[in-house]
N, C-alpha and C. Protein backbone atom coordinates (compact mmCIF):
# COMPACT_ATOMS: atom_id res chain seq x y z
N MET A 1 52.73 290.64 220.90
CA MET A 1 51.41 289.87 220.10
C MET A 1 50.84 288.97 220.42
N ALA A 2 51.69 287.53 221.16
CA ALA A 2 51.12 286.13 220.48
C ALA A 2 50.46 285.96 222.29
N LYS A 3 51.25 286.97 223.36
CA LYS A 3 50.64 286.69 224.55
C LYS A 3 48.94 286.91 224.47
N HIS A 4 48.64 287.86 223.47
CA HIS A 4 47.39 288.69 223.43
C HIS A 4 46.63 287.36 222.78
N LEU A 5 46.90 286.76 221.65
CA LEU A 5 46.01 285.03 221.34
C LEU A 5 46.37 284.23 222.02
N LEU A 6 47.20 283.95 223.06
CA LEU A 6 46.51 282.67 223.86
C LEU A 6 44.97 282.18 223.97
N CYS A 7 43.51 283.08 224.36
CA CYS A 7 42.67 282.44 224.27
C CYS A 7 42.32 282.25 223.26
N SER A 8 43.11 282.71 222.09
CA SER A 8 42.06 281.95 220.68
C SER A 8 43.17 280.86 220.39
N ALA A 9 43.72 279.80 221.08
CA ALA A 9 44.84 279.09 220.07
C ALA A 9 45.11 278.18 221.51
N ASP A 10 45.30 276.45 220.77
CA ASP A 10 45.66 275.24 221.67
C ASP A 10 47.58 275.40 221.74
N HIS A 11 48.06 276.25 221.17
CA HIS A 11 49.41 276.00 220.52
C HIS A 11 49.82 277.18 219.77
N ILE A 12 50.45 278.15 220.69
CA ILE A 12 51.31 279.55 219.30
C ILE A 12 52.88 279.53 219.70
N GLU A 13 52.95 278.97 218.67
CA GLU A 13 54.92 278.98 218.48
C GLU A 13 54.99 280.65 217.62
N ALA A 14 56.10 281.41 218.69
CA ALA A 14 56.24 282.84 218.24
C ALA A 14 57.63 282.95 218.06
N THR A 15 58.10 283.62 216.73
CA THR A 15 59.38 283.52 216.05
C THR A 15 59.66 284.60 215.96
N ASP A 16 60.65 285.18 215.63
CA ASP A 16 61.52 286.47 215.31
C ASP A 16 63.04 285.75 215.34
N ALA A 17 63.24 286.70 213.68
CA ALA A 17 64.90 286.76 213.30
C ALA A 17 65.99 287.06 214.90
N SER A 18 65.09 288.00 215.40
CA SER A 18 66.53 288.58 216.48
C SER A 18 66.51 287.52 217.83
N ALA A 19 67.19 287.32 218.37
CA ALA A 19 67.53 287.07 219.79
C ALA A 19 67.29 287.92 220.96
N ALA A 20 67.19 289.14 220.63
CA ALA A 20 67.11 290.17 221.53
C ALA A 20 65.78 290.49 221.82
N MET A 21 64.97 290.23 220.30
CA MET A 21 63.44 290.38 220.49
C MET A 21 63.17 289.14 221.00
N ILE A 22 63.23 288.55 220.83
CA ILE A 22 62.79 286.63 221.81
C ILE A 22 62.88 286.58 223.26
N ALA A 23 64.20 287.60 223.59
CA ALA A 23 64.56 287.41 225.01
C ALA A 23 63.38 288.14 225.09
N GLN A 24 63.17 289.76 225.12
CA GLN A 24 61.92 290.77 225.28
C GLN A 24 60.86 289.79 225.24
N ALA A 25 60.60 289.33 224.68
CA ALA A 25 58.74 288.66 224.73
C ALA A 25 59.26 287.57 225.40
N LYS A 26 60.15 287.02 226.07
CA LYS A 26 60.16 285.70 227.12
C LYS A 26 59.75 286.37 228.70
N ARG A 27 60.31 288.28 228.71
CA ARG A 27 59.82 288.52 230.07
C ARG A 27 58.35 288.39 230.57
N GLY A 28 58.40 287.91 231.78
CA GLY A 28 57.22 288.11 232.15
C GLY A 28 56.80 286.86 232.54
N ASP A 29 55.12 286.36 232.84
CA ASP A 29 54.51 285.22 232.85
C ASP A 29 54.16 285.38 231.80
N PHE A 30 54.12 283.88 231.22
CA PHE A 30 53.00 283.67 230.23
C PHE A 30 52.92 281.86 230.10
N SER A 31 51.86 281.61 229.36
CA SER A 31 51.65 280.32 229.58
C SER A 31 52.31 279.33 228.85
N SER A 32 52.41 278.08 229.09
CA SER A 32 52.93 277.26 228.91
C SER A 32 53.00 276.41 227.37
N LYS A 33 51.55 276.68 226.75
CA LYS A 33 51.31 277.05 225.64
C LYS A 33 52.03 277.65 224.52
N LEU A 34 52.84 278.38 224.92
CA LEU A 34 53.08 279.60 224.24
C LEU A 34 54.79 279.30 224.12
N TYR A 35 55.46 279.27 222.72
CA TYR A 35 56.62 279.02 222.69
C TYR A 35 57.57 279.82 221.65
N PHE A 36 58.61 280.26 222.48
CA PHE A 36 59.31 281.20 222.21
C PHE A 36 60.44 280.91 221.08
N SER A 37 61.00 280.94 219.94
CA SER A 37 62.22 280.64 219.05
C SER A 37 62.90 281.90 218.41
N VAL A 38 63.84 281.87 218.23
CA VAL A 38 64.63 282.19 217.08
C VAL A 38 64.30 281.69 215.86
N GLN A 39 64.05 282.17 214.42
CA GLN A 39 63.78 281.43 213.63
C GLN A 39 63.88 282.58 211.84
N ASP A 40 64.42 281.78 211.17
CA ASP A 40 64.57 282.13 210.06
C ASP A 40 63.40 282.27 209.08
N MET A 41 62.37 283.26 208.74
CA MET A 41 61.32 283.28 208.01
C MET A 41 61.33 282.42 206.80
N PHE A 42 62.08 282.26 206.16
CA PHE A 42 62.98 281.67 204.83
C PHE A 42 62.84 279.86 205.26
N HIS A 43 63.03 279.88 206.40
CA HIS A 43 63.50 278.08 206.23
C HIS A 43 63.15 277.94 207.77
N LEU A 44 61.31 277.41 207.67
CA LEU A 44 60.79 277.16 209.13
C LEU A 44 61.82 276.01 209.49
N PRO A 45 61.30 275.44 210.59
CA PRO A 45 61.99 274.42 211.22
C PRO A 45 60.99 273.23 211.29
N TYR A 46 59.24 273.86 210.68
CA TYR A 46 57.88 273.10 210.86
C TYR A 46 57.85 272.23 209.79
N ALA A 47 56.92 270.89 209.57
CA ALA A 47 56.52 270.05 209.04
C ALA A 47 55.64 271.13 208.11
N ASP A 48 55.51 270.46 206.94
CA ASP A 48 54.36 270.86 206.09
C ASP A 48 52.52 270.62 206.33
N GLN A 49 52.54 271.99 206.67
CA GLN A 49 50.96 272.12 206.86
C GLN A 49 50.32 271.91 208.34
N SER A 50 51.41 272.76 208.87
CA SER A 50 51.39 272.44 210.31
C SER A 50 50.58 273.56 211.22
N PHE A 51 50.06 274.51 210.45
CA PHE A 51 49.62 275.95 211.24
C PHE A 51 48.21 276.29 210.76
N ASP A 52 47.35 276.66 211.42
CA ASP A 52 45.76 277.04 211.13
C ASP A 52 46.45 278.58 210.86
N VAL A 53 46.74 279.15 211.33
CA VAL A 53 47.83 280.71 210.87
C VAL A 53 48.78 280.74 211.05
N VAL A 54 49.05 281.61 210.12
CA VAL A 54 50.88 282.33 210.00
C VAL A 54 50.28 283.54 210.19
N ILE A 55 51.03 284.51 211.42
CA ILE A 55 51.03 285.64 211.24
C ILE A 55 52.52 286.24 211.07
N VAL A 56 52.50 286.90 210.07
CA VAL A 56 53.91 287.87 210.03
C VAL A 56 53.61 289.54 210.05
N SER A 57 53.59 290.30 211.47
CA SER A 57 53.84 291.71 211.38
C SER A 57 54.50 292.31 211.12
N ASN A 58 54.63 292.97 210.68
CA ASN A 58 55.05 294.46 210.36
C ASN A 58 57.22 293.33 210.08
N ALA A 59 56.86 292.60 209.25
CA ALA A 59 58.10 292.37 208.29
C ALA A 59 58.55 292.31 207.18
N LEU A 60 56.95 291.84 206.33
CA LEU A 60 57.91 291.77 204.65
C LEU A 60 58.37 292.93 204.50
N HIS A 61 58.11 293.46 205.04
CA HIS A 61 58.68 295.31 204.34
C HIS A 61 60.05 295.43 204.35
N ILE A 62 60.72 294.81 205.63
CA ILE A 62 62.26 294.78 205.88
C ILE A 62 62.84 294.07 205.62
N VAL A 63 62.38 292.82 204.84
CA VAL A 63 63.15 291.71 204.39
C VAL A 63 63.38 291.51 202.91
N PRO A 64 64.57 291.72 202.64
CA PRO A 64 65.03 291.08 201.23
C PRO A 64 64.37 290.08 200.43
N HIS A 65 63.40 290.27 199.09
CA HIS A 65 62.46 288.84 198.75
C HIS A 65 61.44 288.64 199.47
N PRO A 66 61.07 289.48 199.74
CA PRO A 66 59.42 288.92 201.06
C PRO A 66 58.78 287.88 199.71
N GLU A 67 58.57 287.62 198.49
CA GLU A 67 57.86 286.33 197.82
C GLU A 67 58.32 285.36 198.05
N LYS A 68 59.78 284.84 198.87
CA LYS A 68 60.30 283.80 199.24
C LYS A 68 59.67 283.26 200.74
N ALA A 69 59.27 284.73 201.62
CA ALA A 69 58.44 284.10 202.47
C ALA A 69 57.54 283.60 202.35
N LEU A 70 56.68 284.29 201.44
CA LEU A 70 55.14 283.98 201.01
C LEU A 70 55.28 282.36 200.96
N ILE A 71 56.38 281.96 200.45
CA ILE A 71 56.52 280.32 200.09
C ILE A 71 56.33 279.48 200.78
N GLU A 72 57.49 280.06 202.16
CA GLU A 72 57.58 279.09 203.25
C GLU A 72 56.23 279.13 203.72
N PHE A 73 55.72 280.42 204.02
CA PHE A 73 54.47 280.96 205.15
C PHE A 73 53.58 279.32 204.34
N ARG A 74 53.09 279.91 203.10
CA ARG A 74 52.33 278.63 202.13
C ARG A 74 52.74 277.33 202.79
N ARG A 75 53.77 277.07 202.90
CA ARG A 75 54.33 275.55 203.03
C ARG A 75 53.62 275.10 204.36
N VAL A 76 54.00 275.99 205.65
CA VAL A 76 53.81 275.70 207.09
C VAL A 76 52.55 275.56 207.41
N LEU A 77 51.34 276.31 205.83
CA LEU A 77 50.11 276.34 206.71
C LEU A 77 48.97 275.73 206.00
N LYS A 78 48.09 275.13 206.73
CA LYS A 78 47.23 274.32 206.31
C LYS A 78 46.53 274.92 205.22
N ASN A 79 45.73 273.72 204.11
CA ASN A 79 45.27 274.36 203.27
C ASN A 79 44.01 275.29 203.32
N ASP A 80 43.63 275.34 204.43
CA ASP A 80 42.60 276.14 204.49
C ASP A 80 42.94 277.22 205.38
N GLY A 81 44.31 277.21 205.84
CA GLY A 81 44.73 277.93 206.89
C GLY A 81 44.26 279.41 206.71
N THR A 82 44.71 280.86 207.37
CA THR A 82 44.79 281.77 207.00
C THR A 82 46.36 282.31 207.48
N LEU A 83 46.77 283.11 206.46
CA LEU A 83 47.46 284.29 206.67
C LEU A 83 47.57 285.53 207.06
N ILE A 84 47.80 285.89 208.04
CA ILE A 84 47.52 287.13 208.67
C ILE A 84 49.07 288.07 208.31
N ALA A 85 48.94 289.51 207.55
CA ALA A 85 50.16 289.70 207.31
C ALA A 85 49.97 291.16 207.01
N PRO A 86 50.09 292.02 208.31
CA PRO A 86 49.98 293.57 208.56
C PRO A 86 51.28 293.60 207.81
N THR A 87 51.62 294.97 207.53
CA THR A 87 52.65 295.50 207.56
C THR A 87 52.65 297.38 206.97
N PHE A 88 53.42 297.92 207.14
CA PHE A 88 53.70 299.47 207.17
C PHE A 88 54.10 299.24 205.01
N THR A 89 53.01 300.48 205.13
CA THR A 89 53.00 300.44 203.64
C THR A 89 53.54 302.06 203.01
N HIS A 90 54.69 302.35 203.43
CA HIS A 90 55.76 303.11 203.70
C HIS A 90 55.69 304.15 202.13
N ALA A 91 55.22 303.61 201.03
CA ALA A 91 55.00 305.06 199.69
C ALA A 91 53.90 305.74 200.43
N GLU A 92 53.32 305.87 200.82
CA GLU A 92 51.63 306.49 201.37
C GLU A 92 52.56 307.13 202.46
N ASN A 93 53.70 307.32 203.02
CA ASN A 93 54.01 308.38 204.00
C ASN A 93 53.47 309.75 203.62
N SER A 94 53.70 310.55 205.18
CA SER A 94 53.50 311.95 205.21
C SER A 94 55.07 312.09 205.57
N PRO A 95 55.17 313.86 205.35
CA PRO A 95 56.54 313.74 205.66
C PRO A 95 57.33 313.69 206.97
N TRP A 96 56.43 313.27 208.38
CA TRP A 96 56.72 312.86 209.21
C TRP A 96 56.81 311.66 209.33
N GLY A 97 56.28 310.73 208.31
CA GLY A 97 56.97 309.19 208.26
C GLY A 97 58.13 309.20 207.68
N ASN A 98 57.83 310.03 206.93
CA ASN A 98 59.19 309.44 206.05
C ASN A 98 60.51 309.96 206.80
N LEU A 99 60.10 310.70 208.05
CA LEU A 99 61.70 310.84 208.50
C LEU A 99 61.45 309.69 209.69
N GLN A 100 60.38 309.22 210.07
CA GLN A 100 60.30 308.08 210.91
C GLN A 100 60.88 306.60 210.47
N ALA A 101 60.69 306.82 208.96
CA ALA A 101 61.12 305.82 208.01
C ALA A 101 62.53 305.60 208.09
N LEU A 102 63.30 307.02 208.28
CA LEU A 102 64.97 307.15 207.84
C LEU A 102 65.59 306.63 208.85
N ALA A 103 64.58 307.12 210.49
CA ALA A 103 64.99 306.50 211.75
C ALA A 103 65.32 305.46 211.97
N LEU A 104 64.20 304.87 211.40
CA LEU A 104 64.36 303.02 211.14
C LEU A 104 64.99 302.19 210.84
N LYS A 105 65.65 303.02 209.65
CA LYS A 105 66.70 302.76 208.74
C LYS A 105 68.01 302.72 209.27
N ILE A 106 67.97 303.91 209.94
CA ILE A 106 69.45 303.98 211.02
C ILE A 106 69.67 303.40 211.71
N ALA A 107 68.51 302.87 212.75
CA ALA A 107 68.40 302.01 213.40
C ALA A 107 68.65 300.25 213.06
N GLY A 108 68.21 299.95 211.75
CA GLY A 108 68.92 298.90 211.29
C GLY A 108 67.38 298.02 211.03
N PHE A 109 66.74 298.98 210.50
CA PHE A 109 65.76 298.10 210.37
C PHE A 109 65.26 299.06 208.90
N PRO A 110 66.32 298.50 207.23
CA PRO A 110 66.06 298.79 206.22
C PRO A 110 64.27 298.75 205.56
N LEU A 111 64.14 299.45 204.81
CA LEU A 111 63.20 299.11 203.56
C LEU A 111 63.50 298.84 202.69
N HIS A 112 63.27 296.98 202.18
CA HIS A 112 63.57 296.63 201.17
C HIS A 112 62.01 297.12 200.20
N SER A 113 60.83 297.40 200.82
CA SER A 113 59.76 297.17 199.64
C SER A 113 59.40 298.45 200.55
N ARG A 114 58.66 299.31 199.49
CA ARG A 114 58.11 300.78 199.86
C ARG A 114 56.48 300.85 198.51
N TRP A 115 55.93 299.92 199.14
CA TRP A 115 54.31 299.67 198.77
C TRP A 115 53.15 300.54 199.12
N THR A 116 52.58 300.74 198.09
CA THR A 116 51.09 301.75 198.34
C THR A 116 50.71 300.28 199.06
N SER A 117 49.32 300.49 199.75
CA SER A 117 48.39 299.82 200.13
C SER A 117 47.67 298.88 198.97
N ALA A 118 47.52 299.57 197.77
CA ALA A 118 46.93 298.51 196.18
C ALA A 118 48.35 297.99 196.25
N ALA A 119 49.33 298.15 195.96
CA ALA A 119 50.28 297.74 195.24
C ALA A 119 50.97 296.69 196.70
N TYR A 120 50.88 296.39 197.51
CA TYR A 120 50.88 295.53 198.89
C TYR A 120 49.89 294.17 198.31
N LEU A 121 48.46 294.78 198.21
CA LEU A 121 47.83 293.40 198.37
C LEU A 121 48.30 293.12 196.96
N ALA A 122 48.85 293.56 195.73
CA ALA A 122 48.75 293.12 194.59
C ALA A 122 49.44 292.35 194.34
N PHE A 123 50.87 292.37 195.38
CA PHE A 123 52.02 291.91 195.77
C PHE A 123 51.80 290.39 196.28
N LEU A 124 50.54 290.94 197.39
CA LEU A 124 49.94 289.25 197.81
C LEU A 124 49.60 287.98 196.92
N GLN A 125 48.60 289.00 196.25
CA GLN A 125 48.03 288.36 194.81
C GLN A 125 48.60 287.56 194.01
N GLN A 126 49.84 288.40 193.62
CA GLN A 126 50.66 287.70 192.66
C GLN A 126 51.39 286.74 193.42
N ASN A 127 51.53 286.84 194.12
CA ASN A 127 52.38 285.54 195.44
C ASN A 127 51.76 284.48 195.88
N GLY A 128 50.44 284.14 194.99
CA GLY A 128 49.44 282.98 195.13
C GLY A 128 48.72 283.10 196.54
N TRP A 129 48.38 284.25 196.91
CA TRP A 129 47.13 284.69 198.20
C TRP A 129 45.99 285.13 197.65
N THR A 130 44.93 284.59 197.92
CA THR A 130 44.14 285.38 197.52
C THR A 130 43.64 286.31 199.29
N VAL A 131 43.06 287.56 198.72
CA VAL A 131 43.19 288.69 200.13
C VAL A 131 41.66 288.43 200.49
N CYS A 132 41.06 287.68 201.59
CA CYS A 132 39.90 288.12 201.90
C CYS A 132 39.42 289.16 202.80
N LYS A 133 40.17 290.04 203.36
CA LYS A 133 40.28 291.06 204.20
C LYS A 133 41.71 292.15 203.86
N SER A 134 40.98 293.39 204.24
CA SER A 134 42.32 294.31 204.57
C SER A 134 41.84 295.70 204.70
N VAL A 135 42.23 296.07 205.85
CA VAL A 135 42.26 297.63 206.10
C VAL A 135 43.55 298.69 206.25
N VAL A 136 43.24 300.04 205.91
CA VAL A 136 44.26 300.27 205.51
C VAL A 136 44.40 301.28 207.15
N LEU A 137 44.93 300.89 208.27
CA LEU A 137 45.05 302.29 209.20
C LEU A 137 46.11 303.32 208.90
N GLN A 138 45.27 304.46 208.94
CA GLN A 138 46.19 305.55 208.49
C GLN A 138 46.81 305.75 210.18
N ASN A 139 48.31 306.44 209.59
CA ASN A 139 49.05 307.35 210.43
C ASN A 139 50.07 307.98 209.60
N SER A 140 51.21 308.17 209.97
CA SER A 140 52.15 308.98 209.60
C SER A 140 52.69 308.03 208.81
N ILE A 141 52.60 306.81 209.18
CA ILE A 141 52.94 305.36 208.28
C ILE A 141 51.83 304.35 208.09
N PRO A 142 51.32 304.77 207.33
CA PRO A 142 49.91 303.79 207.25
C PRO A 142 50.59 302.15 207.20
N LEU A 143 49.71 301.53 207.77
CA LEU A 143 49.89 299.65 208.06
C LEU A 143 48.62 299.27 207.70
N THR A 144 49.05 298.77 206.00
CA THR A 144 47.67 297.43 205.76
C THR A 144 47.52 296.11 206.54
N TYR A 145 46.67 296.19 206.87
CA TYR A 145 46.71 295.00 207.30
C TYR A 145 45.86 294.06 206.24
N ALA A 146 46.26 292.86 206.22
CA ALA A 146 45.51 291.61 204.66
C ALA A 146 45.49 290.53 205.81
N GLU A 147 44.32 289.78 205.24
CA GLU A 147 44.11 288.81 205.78
C GLU A 147 43.87 287.47 204.55
N CYS A 148 44.59 286.58 204.02
CA CYS A 148 44.51 286.22 203.31
C CYS A 148 44.65 284.49 203.39
N LYS A 149 44.19 283.76 202.16
CA LYS A 149 43.99 281.96 201.74
C LYS A 149 45.05 281.77 200.65
N LYS A 150 45.30 280.52 201.14
CA LYS A 150 46.47 280.06 199.41
C LYS A 150 45.35 280.40 198.11
N VAL A 151 45.68 280.55 197.51
CA VAL A 151 45.10 280.32 195.84
C VAL A 151 45.77 278.68 195.74
N GLU A 152 44.57 277.98 194.71
CA GLU A 152 44.79 276.40 194.68
C GLU A 152 45.88 276.37 193.31
N ARG A 153 46.81 275.61 193.54
CA ARG A 153 47.89 275.38 192.42
C ARG A 153 47.20 274.72 191.60
N ARG A 154 47.50 274.74 189.95
CA ARG A 154 47.05 274.19 188.96
C ARG A 154 48.27 273.84 188.43
C-alpha cells in the first residue's frame, strides 16, 4: 500500500509486525522517501505528534486489545491528523466468508474482534475518534473503511 501513496507524501514509514511481510514489501524498486521497518503497533518508536496520517490496514481485528493500539496512534498523530483504519468486519460474513475467516485463523491470523460495521465504527468513537467518513465494501468478508480525527480530550 505504501508504494502506491508515494506521490501523496514527502516521507512514509511503512511498518508491520512481521519481518517476512517487511522483506516482501522491500522487494522491487521503491522511492528513497519510503522506509520499511518491523514495529510493534502498541509501542511505536516515533515522537509524539510525528505524523499527518496514520494508516492501520486490516490489523485491528487480529490483535488483542486494539484499543491500546488506538492510544498509540493518537500519540504519534498530529492534532489535526487523520487516522485511516479499514478492517474486516467479520460479524457480517457470508458462509463463504466464515470459511475464509477459518482459513485465516488456521494460517495464524486469529480474529480477536468480530465486529459488525456499526459496532466497529462505535468502537472507534468510544476510543476517542470522530469518524469523518466510512464506507462498507461488501464481499464475502465485508471491509469497513473509516477515516477518523482525534476527539479533543477534556
